[in-house]
Amino acid sequence: MIVEPYASADHALPGPLLTELTELYASNRDFHAVTGDFPDPDGILPEQVAAALADELARPGSEVLLARSEGRLIGIAVTLDHHPDPDDPDPWIGLLMVDARAHRSGHGRALAGTVEERFRAEGRTGVKLAVLENNPRGLAFWTSLGYAEIARRPDLEHGRPSLVLRKSL
């Protein structure tokens, strides 16, 4: 698996990449049904994916990582080098998504490991993320990687009940 940062001065996604990303997002119908991030998890549109990623890319300190396997886009990770709370020193994983057709093949673990290694190389001592309380599959994935619950609170964008997890690096 090859993981590379995506960078664009204007946050625009080239057509072929947007097509790949839309397919990746659409393959995760169950996840989107849980999050409610898209109005119709059975009909995710390229414009919606472009808008969601433009919002992510516009945040100061954010990074979008694209993971490819055998030339095919297999995953995406969105990270933040700091939380909006100035008292929180840890970087965050805002999103980690693997093509649903490749779930349980090790790509998610590998992508998470790459993200952790990037932060470790920067001298960071821990990483955090939030899992929605109604997402037991997500919670099981992250706890299997050594993340532990440190808090419960609403997510910042929508106020949904979430568990905050942390892993020491």
C-alpha atoms as a PDB file:
ATOM      1  CA  MET A   1       0.000   0.000   0.000  1.00  0.00           C
ATOM      2  CA  ILE A   2       1.266   3.453  -0.934  1.00  0.00           C
ATOM      3  CA  VAL A   3       0.077   6.419   1.140  1.00  0.00           C
ATOM      4  CA  GLU A   4       0.559   9.936  -0.155  1.00  0.00           C
ATOM      5  CA  PRO A   5      -0.669  13.325   1.029  1.00  0.00           C
ATOM      6  CA  TYR A   6      -3.109  15.121  -1.224  1.00  0.00           C
ATOM      7  CA  ALA A   7      -2.417  18.797  -1.734  1.00  0.00           C
ATOM      8  CA  SER A   8      -4.248  21.396  -3.772  1.00  0.00           C
ATOM      9  CA  ALA A   9      -3.935  25.139  -3.422  1.00  0.00           C
ATOM     10  CA  ASP A  10      -7.622  25.693  -4.199  1.00  0.00           C
ATOM     11  CA  HIS A  11      -8.904  22.461  -2.572  1.00  0.00           C
ATOM     12  CA  ALA A  12     -10.327  21.346  -5.920  1.00  0.00           C
ATOM     13  CA  LEU A  13     -10.314  17.625  -6.695  1.00  0.00           C
ATOM     14  CA  PRO A  14      -9.459  16.550 -10.236  1.00  0.00           C
ATOM     15  CA  GLY A  15     -12.315  14.669 -11.932  1.00  0.00           C
ATOM     16  CA  PRO A  16     -10.730  11.192 -11.944  1.00  0.00           C
ATOM     17  CA  LEU A  17      -9.766  11.458  -8.262  1.00  0.00           C
ATOM     18  CA  LEU A  18     -13.225  12.728  -7.346  1.00  0.00           C
ATOM     19  CA  THR A  19     -14.726   9.721  -9.135  1.00  0.00           C
ATOM     20  CA  GLU A  20     -12.481   7.362  -7.147  1.00  0.00           C
ATOM     21  CA  LEU A  21     -13.277   9.112  -3.876  1.00  0.00           C
ATOM     22  CA  THR A  22     -17.010   9.032  -4.565  1.00  0.00           C
ATOM     23  CA  GLU A  23     -16.803   5.279  -5.178  1.00  0.00           C
ATOM     24  CA  LEU A  24     -14.837   4.858  -1.942  1.00  0.00           C
ATOM     25  CA  TYR A  25     -17.367   6.883   0.066  1.00  0.00           C
ATOM     26  CA  ALA A  26     -20.345   5.162  -1.589  1.00  0.00           C
ATOM     27  CA  SER A  27     -18.914   1.721  -0.767  1.00  0.00           C
ATOM     28  CA  ASN A  28     -19.261   2.589   2.936  1.00  0.00           C
ATOM     29  CA  ARG A  29     -23.042   2.892   2.941  1.00  0.00           C
ATOM     30  CA  ASP A  30     -23.448   1.449   6.459  1.00  0.00           C
ATOM     31  CA  PHE A  31     -20.957   3.922   7.926  1.00  0.00           C
ATOM     32  CA  HIS A  32     -22.722   6.860   6.304  1.00  0.00           C
ATOM     33  CA  ALA A  33     -26.102   5.584   7.511  1.00  0.00           C
ATOM     34  CA  VAL A  34     -24.695   5.701  11.065  1.00  0.00           C
ATOM     35  CA  THR A  35     -23.082   9.132  10.770  1.00  0.00           C
ATOM     36  CA  GLY A  36     -25.812  10.903   8.833  1.00  0.00           C
ATOM     37  CA  ASP A  37     -23.130  12.960   7.088  1.00  0.00           C
ATOM     38  CA  PHE A  38     -24.830  12.467   3.718  1.00  0.00           C
ATOM     39  CA  PRO A  39     -28.596  12.883   3.212  1.00  0.00           C
ATOM     40  CA  ASP A  40     -28.879   9.621   1.253  1.00  0.00           C
ATOM     41  CA  PRO A  41     -26.246   6.990   2.084  1.00  0.00           C
ATOM     42  CA  ASP A  42     -27.456   5.018  -0.950  1.00  0.00           C
ATOM     43  CA  GLY A  43     -26.906   7.940  -3.310  1.00  0.00           C
ATOM     44  CA  ILE A  44     -23.682   9.746  -2.417  1.00  0.00           C
ATOM     45  CA  LEU A  45     -22.894  12.301  -5.112  1.00  0.00           C
ATOM     46  CA  PRO A  46     -19.493  13.591  -6.292  1.00  0.00           C
ATOM     47  CA  GLU A  47     -20.492  17.148  -5.361  1.00  0.00           C
ATOM     48  CA  GLN A  48     -21.152  16.028  -1.777  1.00  0.00           C
ATOM     49  CA  VAL A  49     -17.780  14.295  -1.504  1.00  0.00           C
ATOM     50  CA  ALA A  50     -16.027  17.318  -3.016  1.00  0.00           C
ATOM     51  CA  ALA A  51     -17.734  19.632  -0.512  1.00  0.00           C
ATOM     52  CA  ALA A  52     -16.918  17.365   2.446  1.00  0.00           C
ATOM     53  CA  LEU A  53     -13.248  17.184   1.494  1.00  0.00           C
ATOM     54  CA  ALA A  54     -13.026  20.899   0.716  1.00  0.00           C
ATOM     55  CA  ASP A  55     -14.250  21.552   4.266  1.00  0.00           C
ATOM     56  CA  GLU A  56     -11.577  19.189   5.624  1.00  0.00           C
ATOM     57  CA  LEU A  57      -8.795  20.709   3.511  1.00  0.00           C
ATOM     58  CA  ALA A  58      -9.767  24.238   4.543  1.00  0.00           C
ATOM     59  CA  ARG A  59      -9.071  23.540   8.218  1.00  0.00           C
ATOM     60  CA  PRO A  60      -5.686  24.816   9.364  1.00  0.00           C
ATOM     61  CA  GLY A  61      -3.343  21.924  10.113  1.00  0.00           C
ATOM     62  CA  SER A  62      -5.394  19.314   8.262  1.00  0.00           C
ATOM     63  CA  GLU A  63      -3.953  16.730   5.925  1.00  0.00           C
ATOM     64  CA  VAL A  64      -5.657  14.303   3.566  1.00  0.00           C
ATOM     65  CA  LEU A  65      -3.810  11.062   2.929  1.00  0.00           C
ATOM     66  CA  LEU A  66      -4.747   8.823   0.018  1.00  0.00           C
ATOM     67  CA  ALA A  67      -3.918   5.113   0.164  1.00  0.00           C
ATOM     68  CA  ARG A  68      -3.529   3.048  -2.997  1.00  0.00           C
ATOM     69  CA  SER A  69      -3.084  -0.672  -3.461  1.00  0.00           C
ATOM     70  CA  GLU A  70      -2.255  -2.078  -6.877  1.00  0.00           C
ATOM     71  CA  GLY A  71      -2.967   1.361  -8.340  1.00  0.00           C
ATOM     72  CA  ARG A  72      -6.503   1.520  -6.934  1.00  0.00           C
ATOM     73  CA  LEU A  73      -7.654   4.024  -4.315  1.00  0.00           C
ATOM     74  CA  ILE A  74      -8.244   1.831  -1.284  1.00  0.00           C
ATOM     75  CA  GLY A  75      -8.503   4.334   1.571  1.00  0.00           C
ATOM     76  CA  ILE A  76      -8.419   7.860   2.867  1.00  0.00           C
ATOM     77  CA  ALA A  77      -7.344   9.397   6.149  1.00  0.00           C
ATOM     78  CA  VAL A  78      -7.936  12.962   7.264  1.00  0.00           C
ATOM     79  CA  THR A  79      -5.785  14.210  10.125  1.00  0.00           C
ATOM     80  CA  LEU A  80      -5.518  17.377  12.180  1.00  0.00           C
ATOM     81  CA  ASP A  81      -2.206  18.407  13.682  1.00  0.00           C
ATOM     82  CA  HIS A  82      -4.109  19.881  16.625  1.00  0.00           C
ATOM     83  CA  HIS A  83      -7.635  19.951  18.026  1.00  0.00           C
ATOM     84  CA  PRO A  84      -9.591  23.217  18.064  1.00  0.00           C
ATOM     85  CA  ASP A  85      -9.269  23.093  21.878  1.00  0.00           C
ATOM     86  CA  PRO A  86      -5.969  24.900  22.572  1.00  0.00           C
ATOM     87  CA  ASP A  87      -5.447  22.816  25.725  1.00  0.00           C
ATOM     88  CA  ASP A  88      -5.383  19.572  23.707  1.00  0.00           C
ATOM     89  CA  PRO A  89      -1.781  18.858  22.625  1.00  0.00           C
ATOM     90  CA  ASP A  90      -2.517  15.735  20.583  1.00  0.00           C
ATOM     91  CA  PRO A  91      -3.105  15.428  16.851  1.00  0.00           C
ATOM     92  CA  TRP A  92      -6.388  13.863  15.734  1.00  0.00           C
ATOM     93  CA  ILE A  93      -7.579  11.421  13.142  1.00  0.00           C
ATOM     94  CA  GLY A  94     -10.744  12.995  11.765  1.00  0.00           C
ATOM     95  CA  LEU A  95     -11.567  10.234   9.294  1.00  0.00           C
ATOM     96  CA  LEU A  96     -10.145   6.906   8.258  1.00  0.00           C
ATOM     97  CA  MET A  97     -12.109   5.070   5.611  1.00  0.00           C
ATOM     98  CA  VAL A  98     -11.254   1.998   3.549  1.00  0.00           C
ATOM     99  CA  ASP A  99     -13.165   0.795   0.519  1.00  0.00           C
ATOM    100  CA  ALA A 100     -15.821  -1.535   1.953  1.00  0.00           C
ATOM    101  CA  ARG A 101     -14.969  -4.195  -0.630  1.00  0.00           C
ATOM    102  CA  ALA A 102     -11.537  -4.422   1.021  1.00  0.00           C
ATOM    103  CA  HIS A 103     -12.649  -4.446   4.672  1.00  0.00           C
ATOM    104  CA  ARG A 104     -10.939  -7.049   6.850  1.00  0.00           C
ATOM    105  CA  SER A 105      -7.933  -7.234   4.541  1.00  0.00           C
ATOM    106  CA  GLY A 106      -5.506  -5.229   6.711  1.00  0.00           C
ATOM    107  CA  HIS A 107      -5.688  -1.973   4.779  1.00  0.00           C
ATOM    108  CA  GLY A 108      -7.339  -0.071   7.641  1.00  0.00           C
ATOM    109  CA  ARG A 109      -4.727  -1.266  10.120  1.00  0.00           C
ATOM    110  CA  ALA A 110      -1.945  -0.377   7.704  1.00  0.00           C
ATOM    111  CA  LEU A 111      -3.355   3.086   7.024  1.00  0.00           C
ATOM    112  CA  ALA A 112      -3.835   3.762  10.745  1.00  0.00           C
ATOM    113  CA  GLY A 113      -0.270   2.590  11.360  1.00  0.00           C
ATOM    114  CA  THR A 114       1.027   4.950   8.686  1.00  0.00           C
ATOM    115  CA  VAL A 115      -0.831   7.869  10.272  1.00  0.00           C
ATOM    116  CA  GLU A 116       0.529   6.972  13.702  1.00  0.00           C
ATOM    117  CA  GLU A 117       4.081   6.658  12.344  1.00  0.00           C
ATOM    118  CA  ARG A 118       3.861  10.077  10.680  1.00  0.00           C
ATOM    119  CA  PHE A 119       2.844  11.653  13.999  1.00  0.00           C
ATOM    120  CA  ARG A 120       5.500   9.680  15.902  1.00  0.00           C
ATOM    121  CA  ALA A 121       8.151  10.962  13.460  1.00  0.00           C
ATOM    122  CA  GLU A 122       7.028  14.515  14.292  1.00  0.00           C
ATOM    123  CA  GLY A 123       7.698  13.810  17.967  1.00  0.00           C
ATOM    124  CA  ARG A 124       4.038  13.556  18.952  1.00  0.00           C
ATOM    125  CA  THR A 125       3.328  11.355  21.988  1.00  0.00           C
ATOM    126  CA  GLY A 126      -0.286  10.435  21.360  1.00  0.00           C
ATOM    127  CA  VAL A 127      -3.134  10.624  18.875  1.00  0.00           C
ATOM    128  CA  LYS A 128      -6.868  11.001  19.436  1.00  0.00           C
ATOM    129  CA  LEU A 129     -10.054  10.398  17.508  1.00  0.00           C
ATOM    130  CA  ALA A 130     -13.779  10.312  18.154  1.00  0.00           C
ATOM    131  CA  VAL A 131     -16.137   7.432  17.420  1.00  0.00           C
ATOM    132  CA  LEU A 132     -19.880   7.958  17.396  1.00  0.00           C
ATOM    133  CA  GLU A 133     -21.582   6.012  20.184  1.00  0.00           C
ATOM    134  CA  ASN A 134     -23.858   4.362  17.618  1.00  0.00           C
ATOM    135  CA  ASN A 135     -20.872   2.940  15.700  1.00  0.00           C
ATOM    136  CA  PRO A 136     -19.868  -0.302  17.488  1.00  0.00           C
ATOM    137  CA  ARG A 137     -17.924  -1.568  14.460  1.00  0.00           C
ATOM    138  CA  GLY A 138     -15.787   1.557  14.446  1.00  0.00           C
ATOM    139  CA  LEU A 139     -15.218   1.288  18.184  1.00  0.00           C
ATOM    140  CA  ALA A 140     -14.202  -2.367  17.861  1.00  0.00           C
ATOM    141  CA  PHE A 141     -11.731  -1.494  15.085  1.00  0.00           C
ATOM    142  CA  TRP A 142     -10.032   1.291  17.005  1.00  0.00           C
ATOM    143  CA  THR A 143      -9.869  -0.544  20.332  1.00  0.00           C
ATOM    144  CA  SER A 144      -8.287  -3.521  18.526  1.00  0.00           C
ATOM    145  CA  LEU A 145      -5.504  -1.114  17.512  1.00  0.00           C
ATOM    146  CA  GLY A 146      -4.850  -0.091  21.110  1.00  0.00           C
ATOM    147  CA  TYR A 147      -6.989   3.042  21.377  1.00  0.00           C
ATOM    148  CA  ALA A 148      -8.726   3.513  24.723  1.00  0.00           C
ATOM    149  CA  GLU A 149     -11.701   5.623  25.714  1.00  0.00           C
ATOM    150  CA  ILE A 150     -10.754   8.762  27.627  1.00  0.00           C
ATOM    151  CA  ALA A 151     -13.986  10.770  27.441  1.00  0.00           C
ATOM    152  CA  ARG A 152     -17.555  10.907  26.225  1.00  0.00           C
ATOM    153  CA  ARG A 153     -18.859  14.121  24.728  1.00  0.00           C
ATOM    154  CA  PRO A 154     -20.819  15.458  21.773  1.00  0.00           C
ATOM    155  CA  ASP A 155     -18.886  15.852  18.536  1.00  0.00           C
ATOM    156  CA  LEU A 156     -18.036  19.441  17.690  1.00  0.00           C
ATOM    157  CA  GLU A 157     -19.831  19.698  14.359  1.00  0.00           C
ATOM    158  CA  HIS A 158     -23.209  18.063  14.980  1.00  0.00           C
ATOM    159  CA  GLY A 159     -23.459  17.419  18.718  1.00  0.00           C
ATOM    160  CA  ARG A 160     -23.750  13.647  18.230  1.00  0.00           C
ATOM    161  CA  PRO A 161     -22.843  11.475  21.256  1.00  0.00           C
ATOM    162  CA  SER A 162     -19.237  10.358  20.800  1.00  0.00           C
ATOM    163  CA  LEU A 163     -16.465   8.522  22.553  1.00  0.00           C
ATOM    164  CA  VAL A 164     -13.023  10.140  22.508  1.00  0.00           C
ATOM    165  CA  LEU A 165     -10.239   7.595  22.153  1.00  0.00           C
ATOM    166  CA  ARG A 166      -6.488   8.054  22.591  1.00  0.00           C
ATOM    167  CA  LYS A 167      -3.434   5.975  21.848  1.00  0.00           C
ATOM    168  CA  SER A 168       0.041   6.699  23.166  1.00  0.00           C
ATOM    169  CA  LEU A 169       2.678   6.730  20.471  1.00  0.00           C
END
